[in-house]
Amino acid sequence: MRNFISISLLLLVAAGWAEGATCNCGAFLTTEFGDILIVSLPTTDVDSCDNPQKCIKNCQNELEGGDLFAISSDGERTNGQVACDAWQKPIHNQYIYGYYELCGGPWEYTGEHSQQMLCCDDNGQHQYCVA
């Protein structure tokens, strides 16, 4: 009886794992303290926790090609302004890097970064970077 209960619990956990295959995406800024998540993007469901390719592709799409001057999904701000609003500190000449997290695993680099460097002035306004 004990083995039956153990096997049943194991099957329930495995079924939950398969149904709960999730992909998280985020925009990270590299600082002197390491990579820091500044914008978390919507979680999506994926078919499997064993194949990161769909998750990577979803995140690349969510990051909208890394164009900081494109209008964000809120329809009001640029992607760069979303990052400036999230960070709330001045930023000068920093790329934003795309990362994904598959099924609660570690954050992994998607291989993509922003097309432009991010610059946020002292008032938190996104601006073109000047060398």
N, C-alpha and C. Protein backbone atom coordinates (compact mmCIF):
# COMPACT_ATOMS: atom_id res chain seq x y z
N MET A 1 0.82 -1.19 0.00
CA MET A 1 0.00 0.00 0.00
C MET A 1 0.86 1.26 0.00
N ARG A 2 1.95 1.22 0.79
CA ARG A 2 2.84 2.37 0.87
C ARG A 2 3.46 2.66 -0.50
N ASN A 3 3.88 1.61 -1.23
CA ASN A 3 4.45 1.80 -2.57
C ASN A 3 3.42 2.40 -3.53
N PHE A 4 2.16 1.96 -3.41
CA PHE A 4 1.11 2.48 -4.27
C PHE A 4 0.94 3.98 -4.05
N ILE A 5 0.94 4.41 -2.79
CA ILE A 5 0.80 5.83 -2.46
C ILE A 5 1.99 6.61 -2.98
N SER A 6 3.19 6.09 -2.81
CA SER A 6 4.39 6.77 -3.29
C SER A 6 4.37 6.92 -4.80
N ILE A 7 3.99 5.87 -5.50
CA ILE A 7 3.93 5.92 -6.96
C ILE A 7 2.84 6.90 -7.40
N SER A 8 1.71 6.90 -6.73
CA SER A 8 0.62 7.82 -7.07
C SER A 8 1.05 9.26 -6.90
N LEU A 9 1.73 9.56 -5.80
CA LEU A 9 2.23 10.92 -5.57
C LEU A 9 3.25 11.31 -6.63
N LEU A 10 4.13 10.41 -6.98
CA LEU A 10 5.12 10.68 -8.00
C LEU A 10 4.46 10.98 -9.34
N LEU A 11 3.44 10.22 -9.70
CA LEU A 11 2.72 10.46 -10.95
C LEU A 11 1.99 11.80 -10.94
N LEU A 12 1.42 12.17 -9.80
CA LEU A 12 0.76 13.47 -9.70
C LEU A 12 1.75 14.61 -9.85
N VAL A 13 2.90 14.50 -9.24
CA VAL A 13 3.93 15.52 -9.37
C VAL A 13 4.40 15.61 -10.82
N ALA A 14 4.62 14.49 -11.46
CA ALA A 14 5.06 14.48 -12.86
C ALA A 14 4.00 15.08 -13.77
N ALA A 15 2.74 14.78 -13.53
CA ALA A 15 1.66 15.35 -14.34
C ALA A 15 1.58 16.86 -14.14
N GLY A 16 1.75 17.30 -12.92
CA GLY A 16 1.74 18.74 -12.65
C GLY A 16 2.91 19.43 -13.31
N TRP A 17 4.06 18.79 -13.34
CA TRP A 17 5.24 19.35 -13.99
C TRP A 17 5.00 19.51 -15.48
N ALA A 18 4.42 18.51 -16.12
CA ALA A 18 4.16 18.57 -17.56
C ALA A 18 3.13 19.65 -17.88
N GLU A 19 2.08 19.76 -17.04
CA GLU A 19 1.05 20.76 -17.29
C GLU A 19 1.54 22.15 -16.96
N GLY A 20 2.48 22.29 -16.05
CA GLY A 20 2.93 23.59 -15.60
C GLY A 20 4.21 24.05 -16.26
N ALA A 21 4.44 23.64 -17.50
CA ALA A 21 5.66 24.06 -18.19
C ALA A 21 5.54 25.54 -18.54
N THR A 22 6.31 26.37 -17.83
CA THR A 22 6.22 27.81 -18.03
C THR A 22 7.54 28.41 -18.46
N CYS A 23 7.40 29.52 -19.14
CA CYS A 23 8.55 30.27 -19.64
C CYS A 23 8.42 31.71 -19.16
N ASN A 24 9.42 32.18 -18.44
CA ASN A 24 9.47 33.57 -18.01
C ASN A 24 10.55 34.28 -18.82
N CYS A 25 10.30 35.54 -19.12
CA CYS A 25 11.25 36.35 -19.88
C CYS A 25 11.54 37.63 -19.11
N GLY A 26 12.74 38.11 -19.26
CA GLY A 26 13.09 39.35 -18.58
C GLY A 26 14.17 40.13 -19.29
N ALA A 27 14.16 41.42 -19.03
CA ALA A 27 15.20 42.32 -19.52
C ALA A 27 16.14 42.61 -18.36
N PHE A 28 17.41 42.33 -18.57
CA PHE A 28 18.41 42.47 -17.51
C PHE A 28 19.40 43.57 -17.84
N LEU A 29 19.87 44.22 -16.82
CA LEU A 29 20.90 45.23 -16.92
C LEU A 29 22.13 44.68 -16.21
N THR A 30 23.29 44.82 -16.83
CA THR A 30 24.54 44.39 -16.20
C THR A 30 25.10 45.54 -15.38
N THR A 31 25.32 45.27 -14.09
CA THR A 31 25.87 46.29 -13.19
C THR A 31 27.15 45.75 -12.56
N GLU A 32 27.75 46.57 -11.73
CA GLU A 32 28.94 46.12 -11.01
C GLU A 32 28.62 45.00 -10.02
N PHE A 33 27.33 44.83 -9.71
CA PHE A 33 26.89 43.79 -8.78
C PHE A 33 26.40 42.54 -9.51
N GLY A 34 26.46 42.52 -10.82
CA GLY A 34 25.99 41.39 -11.61
C GLY A 34 24.79 41.78 -12.46
N ASP A 35 24.18 40.80 -13.08
CA ASP A 35 23.01 41.03 -13.92
C ASP A 35 21.78 41.15 -13.04
N ILE A 36 20.98 42.21 -13.28
CA ILE A 36 19.81 42.48 -12.46
C ILE A 36 18.59 42.57 -13.36
N LEU A 37 17.54 41.84 -12.97
CA LEU A 37 16.27 41.89 -13.69
C LEU A 37 15.64 43.26 -13.48
N ILE A 38 15.38 43.98 -14.58
CA ILE A 38 14.73 45.28 -14.43
C ILE A 38 13.31 45.28 -14.98
N VAL A 39 13.01 44.42 -15.95
CA VAL A 39 11.66 44.33 -16.48
C VAL A 39 11.31 42.86 -16.66
N SER A 40 10.25 42.44 -15.99
CA SER A 40 9.76 41.08 -16.13
C SER A 40 8.64 41.09 -17.16
N LEU A 41 8.71 40.20 -18.13
CA LEU A 41 7.72 40.14 -19.20
C LEU A 41 6.72 39.04 -18.90
N PRO A 42 5.58 39.02 -19.59
CA PRO A 42 4.54 38.03 -19.28
C PRO A 42 5.03 36.58 -19.37
N THR A 43 4.53 35.77 -18.45
CA THR A 43 4.82 34.33 -18.44
C THR A 43 4.00 33.66 -19.53
N THR A 44 4.61 32.71 -20.23
CA THR A 44 3.89 31.95 -21.25
C THR A 44 4.02 30.46 -20.93
N ASP A 45 3.07 29.70 -21.43
CA ASP A 45 3.12 28.24 -21.29
C ASP A 45 3.88 27.66 -22.47
N VAL A 46 4.64 26.63 -22.21
CA VAL A 46 5.37 25.91 -23.26
C VAL A 46 5.04 24.43 -23.15
N ASP A 47 5.34 23.69 -24.20
CA ASP A 47 4.99 22.27 -24.26
C ASP A 47 5.80 21.40 -23.32
N SER A 48 7.05 21.79 -23.07
CA SER A 48 7.93 20.89 -22.34
C SER A 48 8.99 21.69 -21.59
N CYS A 49 9.43 21.13 -20.49
CA CYS A 49 10.53 21.72 -19.73
C CYS A 49 11.88 21.24 -20.26
N ASP A 50 11.87 20.33 -21.23
CA ASP A 50 13.10 19.73 -21.74
C ASP A 50 13.67 20.42 -22.96
N ASN A 51 12.89 21.31 -23.59
CA ASN A 51 13.35 21.95 -24.82
C ASN A 51 13.24 23.46 -24.69
N PRO A 52 14.35 24.15 -24.49
CA PRO A 52 14.29 25.59 -24.27
C PRO A 52 14.04 26.42 -25.53
N GLN A 53 14.09 25.82 -26.71
CA GLN A 53 14.02 26.61 -27.94
C GLN A 53 12.74 27.44 -28.06
N LYS A 54 11.58 26.87 -27.70
CA LYS A 54 10.33 27.62 -27.79
C LYS A 54 10.33 28.77 -26.79
N CYS A 55 10.86 28.54 -25.61
CA CYS A 55 10.94 29.59 -24.60
C CYS A 55 11.85 30.72 -25.07
N ILE A 56 13.00 30.36 -25.62
CA ILE A 56 13.93 31.37 -26.14
C ILE A 56 13.25 32.20 -27.21
N LYS A 57 12.56 31.54 -28.14
CA LYS A 57 11.88 32.24 -29.24
C LYS A 57 10.79 33.15 -28.68
N ASN A 58 10.01 32.66 -27.71
CA ASN A 58 8.97 33.50 -27.08
C ASN A 58 9.59 34.76 -26.48
N CYS A 59 10.70 34.60 -25.78
CA CYS A 59 11.35 35.74 -25.14
C CYS A 59 11.90 36.72 -26.16
N GLN A 60 12.49 36.21 -27.21
CA GLN A 60 12.99 37.09 -28.26
C GLN A 60 11.84 37.91 -28.85
N ASN A 61 10.68 37.27 -29.04
CA ASN A 61 9.51 38.00 -29.54
C ASN A 61 9.01 39.03 -28.53
N GLU A 62 8.98 38.65 -27.26
CA GLU A 62 8.54 39.57 -26.21
C GLU A 62 9.45 40.79 -26.11
N LEU A 63 10.72 40.60 -26.37
CA LEU A 63 11.68 41.71 -26.29
C LEU A 63 11.61 42.61 -27.52
N GLU A 64 10.73 42.28 -28.46
CA GLU A 64 10.43 43.10 -29.62
C GLU A 64 11.68 43.50 -30.40
N GLY A 65 12.58 42.57 -30.57
CA GLY A 65 13.77 42.83 -31.36
C GLY A 65 14.80 43.72 -30.70
N GLY A 66 14.58 44.06 -29.44
CA GLY A 66 15.56 44.86 -28.70
C GLY A 66 15.59 46.33 -29.09
N ASP A 67 14.55 46.82 -29.76
CA ASP A 67 14.51 48.23 -30.17
C ASP A 67 14.00 49.07 -29.00
N LEU A 68 14.90 49.81 -28.38
CA LEU A 68 14.53 50.62 -27.22
C LEU A 68 13.66 51.82 -27.57
N PHE A 69 13.61 52.17 -28.87
CA PHE A 69 12.81 53.31 -29.28
C PHE A 69 11.45 52.91 -29.86
N ALA A 70 11.18 51.61 -29.91
CA ALA A 70 9.86 51.14 -30.34
C ALA A 70 8.87 51.36 -29.21
N ILE A 71 7.61 51.54 -29.57
CA ILE A 71 6.57 51.71 -28.56
C ILE A 71 6.33 50.36 -27.87
N SER A 72 6.27 50.40 -26.55
CA SER A 72 6.10 49.18 -25.77
C SER A 72 4.67 48.66 -25.88
N SER A 73 4.44 47.52 -25.28
CA SER A 73 3.11 46.89 -25.34
C SER A 73 2.04 47.72 -24.63
N ASP A 74 2.43 48.69 -23.78
CA ASP A 74 1.41 49.54 -23.15
C ASP A 74 0.89 50.60 -24.11
N GLY A 75 1.55 50.75 -25.27
CA GLY A 75 1.10 51.68 -26.29
C GLY A 75 1.39 53.13 -26.01
N GLU A 76 2.10 53.41 -24.92
CA GLU A 76 2.34 54.80 -24.53
C GLU A 76 3.81 55.17 -24.42
N ARG A 77 4.61 54.24 -23.94
CA ARG A 77 6.03 54.54 -23.70
C ARG A 77 6.90 53.73 -24.65
N THR A 78 8.12 54.20 -24.83
CA THR A 78 9.09 53.39 -25.57
C THR A 78 9.57 52.27 -24.67
N ASN A 79 10.14 51.24 -25.27
CA ASN A 79 10.72 50.16 -24.47
C ASN A 79 11.81 50.71 -23.55
N GLY A 80 12.56 51.68 -24.05
CA GLY A 80 13.60 52.30 -23.23
C GLY A 80 13.03 53.03 -22.03
N GLN A 81 11.88 53.71 -22.22
CA GLN A 81 11.26 54.41 -21.09
C GLN A 81 10.74 53.43 -20.06
N VAL A 82 10.22 52.28 -20.51
CA VAL A 82 9.79 51.24 -19.58
C VAL A 82 10.98 50.81 -18.71
N ALA A 83 12.14 50.61 -19.34
CA ALA A 83 13.35 50.22 -18.60
C ALA A 83 13.79 51.33 -17.65
N CYS A 84 13.76 52.58 -18.09
CA CYS A 84 14.14 53.70 -17.22
C CYS A 84 13.20 53.80 -16.03
N ASP A 85 11.90 53.65 -16.28
CA ASP A 85 10.91 53.71 -15.20
C ASP A 85 11.13 52.58 -14.19
N ALA A 86 11.51 51.41 -14.68
CA ALA A 86 11.73 50.26 -13.79
C ALA A 86 13.00 50.44 -12.97
N TRP A 87 14.06 50.94 -13.57
CA TRP A 87 15.35 51.05 -12.89
C TRP A 87 15.38 52.23 -11.93
N GLN A 88 14.80 53.35 -12.31
CA GLN A 88 14.69 54.56 -11.49
C GLN A 88 16.02 55.14 -11.04
N LYS A 89 17.03 54.96 -11.86
CA LYS A 89 18.35 55.55 -11.61
C LYS A 89 18.92 55.96 -12.95
N PRO A 90 19.83 56.92 -12.96
CA PRO A 90 20.47 57.27 -14.24
C PRO A 90 21.24 56.08 -14.81
N ILE A 91 21.18 55.93 -16.11
CA ILE A 91 21.91 54.88 -16.82
C ILE A 91 22.57 55.53 -18.01
N HIS A 92 23.82 55.19 -18.26
CA HIS A 92 24.53 55.75 -19.39
C HIS A 92 25.21 54.65 -20.18
N ASN A 93 24.83 54.53 -21.45
CA ASN A 93 25.49 53.62 -22.40
C ASN A 93 25.53 52.17 -21.92
N GLN A 94 24.37 51.61 -21.60
CA GLN A 94 24.28 50.22 -21.16
C GLN A 94 23.33 49.44 -22.07
N TYR A 95 23.74 48.28 -22.49
CA TYR A 95 22.84 47.41 -23.23
C TYR A 95 21.91 46.70 -22.26
N ILE A 96 20.73 46.37 -22.74
CA ILE A 96 19.77 45.56 -22.00
C ILE A 96 19.84 44.16 -22.60
N TYR A 97 19.92 43.15 -21.76
CA TYR A 97 20.08 41.76 -22.21
C TYR A 97 18.82 40.95 -21.94
N GLY A 98 18.44 40.12 -22.91
CA GLY A 98 17.28 39.26 -22.78
C GLY A 98 17.66 37.93 -22.14
N TYR A 99 16.87 37.51 -21.15
CA TYR A 99 17.07 36.24 -20.47
C TYR A 99 15.75 35.49 -20.42
N TYR A 100 15.84 34.18 -20.27
CA TYR A 100 14.65 33.35 -20.11
C TYR A 100 14.85 32.43 -18.91
N GLU A 101 13.72 32.02 -18.33
CA GLU A 101 13.70 31.07 -17.23
C GLU A 101 12.67 30.01 -17.59
N LEU A 102 13.10 28.78 -17.73
CA LEU A 102 12.23 27.69 -18.15
C LEU A 102 11.89 26.80 -16.95
N CYS A 103 10.60 26.70 -16.65
CA CYS A 103 10.09 25.79 -15.61
C CYS A 103 10.75 25.99 -14.25
N GLY A 104 11.01 27.25 -13.89
CA GLY A 104 11.59 27.54 -12.59
C GLY A 104 13.08 27.31 -12.49
N GLY A 105 13.72 27.02 -13.62
CA GLY A 105 15.16 26.81 -13.63
C GLY A 105 15.92 28.13 -13.54
N PRO A 106 17.21 28.10 -13.77
CA PRO A 106 18.00 29.32 -13.69
C PRO A 106 17.72 30.24 -14.89
N TRP A 107 17.95 31.52 -14.69
CA TRP A 107 17.85 32.47 -15.80
C TRP A 107 19.01 32.21 -16.76
N GLU A 108 18.69 32.15 -18.06
CA GLU A 108 19.69 31.89 -19.09
C GLU A 108 19.62 33.00 -20.14
N TYR A 109 20.75 33.37 -20.68
CA TYR A 109 20.84 34.42 -21.70
C TYR A 109 20.24 33.92 -23.02
N THR A 110 19.40 34.72 -23.65
CA THR A 110 18.77 34.34 -24.92
C THR A 110 19.70 34.52 -26.11
N GLY A 111 20.81 35.20 -25.91
CA GLY A 111 21.70 35.51 -27.03
C GLY A 111 21.37 36.85 -27.67
N GLU A 112 20.39 37.57 -27.12
CA GLU A 112 19.94 38.84 -27.67
C GLU A 112 20.18 39.98 -26.68
N HIS A 113 20.52 41.13 -27.23
CA HIS A 113 20.58 42.34 -26.41
C HIS A 113 19.94 43.48 -27.19
N SER A 114 19.73 44.59 -26.52
CA SER A 114 19.06 45.72 -27.16
C SER A 114 19.86 46.21 -28.36
N GLN A 115 19.14 46.76 -29.33
CA GLN A 115 19.78 47.30 -30.53
C GLN A 115 20.60 48.54 -30.20
N GLN A 116 20.10 49.32 -29.27
CA GLN A 116 20.78 50.55 -28.87
C GLN A 116 21.19 50.43 -27.40
N MET A 117 22.12 51.27 -27.03
CA MET A 117 22.45 51.36 -25.61
C MET A 117 21.36 52.17 -24.92
N LEU A 118 21.11 51.85 -23.66
CA LEU A 118 20.11 52.55 -22.88
C LEU A 118 20.75 53.71 -22.14
N CYS A 119 20.10 54.85 -22.22
CA CYS A 119 20.48 56.00 -21.43
C CYS A 119 19.24 56.60 -20.81
N CYS A 120 19.29 56.79 -19.49
CA CYS A 120 18.21 57.42 -18.73
C CYS A 120 18.84 58.60 -18.01
N ASP A 121 18.26 59.78 -18.18
CA ASP A 121 18.84 60.96 -17.54
C ASP A 121 18.53 60.98 -16.04
N ASP A 122 18.97 62.03 -15.37
CA ASP A 122 18.80 62.13 -13.93
C ASP A 122 17.33 62.20 -13.51
N ASN A 123 16.44 62.56 -14.46
CA ASN A 123 15.01 62.63 -14.17
C ASN A 123 14.28 61.36 -14.59
N GLY A 124 15.04 60.32 -14.99
CA GLY A 124 14.44 59.05 -15.38
C GLY A 124 13.84 59.04 -16.76
N GLN A 125 14.25 59.99 -17.61
CA GLN A 125 13.71 60.04 -18.98
C GLN A 125 14.64 59.33 -19.94
N HIS A 126 14.06 58.48 -20.77
CA HIS A 126 14.81 57.77 -21.80
C HIS A 126 15.27 58.80 -22.82
N GLN A 127 16.53 58.67 -23.24
CA GLN A 127 17.08 59.59 -24.23
C GLN A 127 18.08 58.88 -25.11
N TYR A 128 18.42 59.51 -26.21
CA TYR A 128 19.48 58.97 -27.06
C TYR A 128 20.79 59.09 -26.32
N CYS A 129 21.61 58.08 -26.43
CA CYS A 129 22.91 58.10 -25.77
C CYS A 129 23.88 58.96 -26.59
N VAL A 130 24.65 59.74 -25.87
CA VAL A 130 25.69 60.56 -26.48
C VAL A 130 27.02 60.10 -25.90
N ALA A 131 27.96 59.85 -26.77
CA ALA A 131 29.26 59.32 -26.34
C ALA A 131 29.99 60.23 -25.40
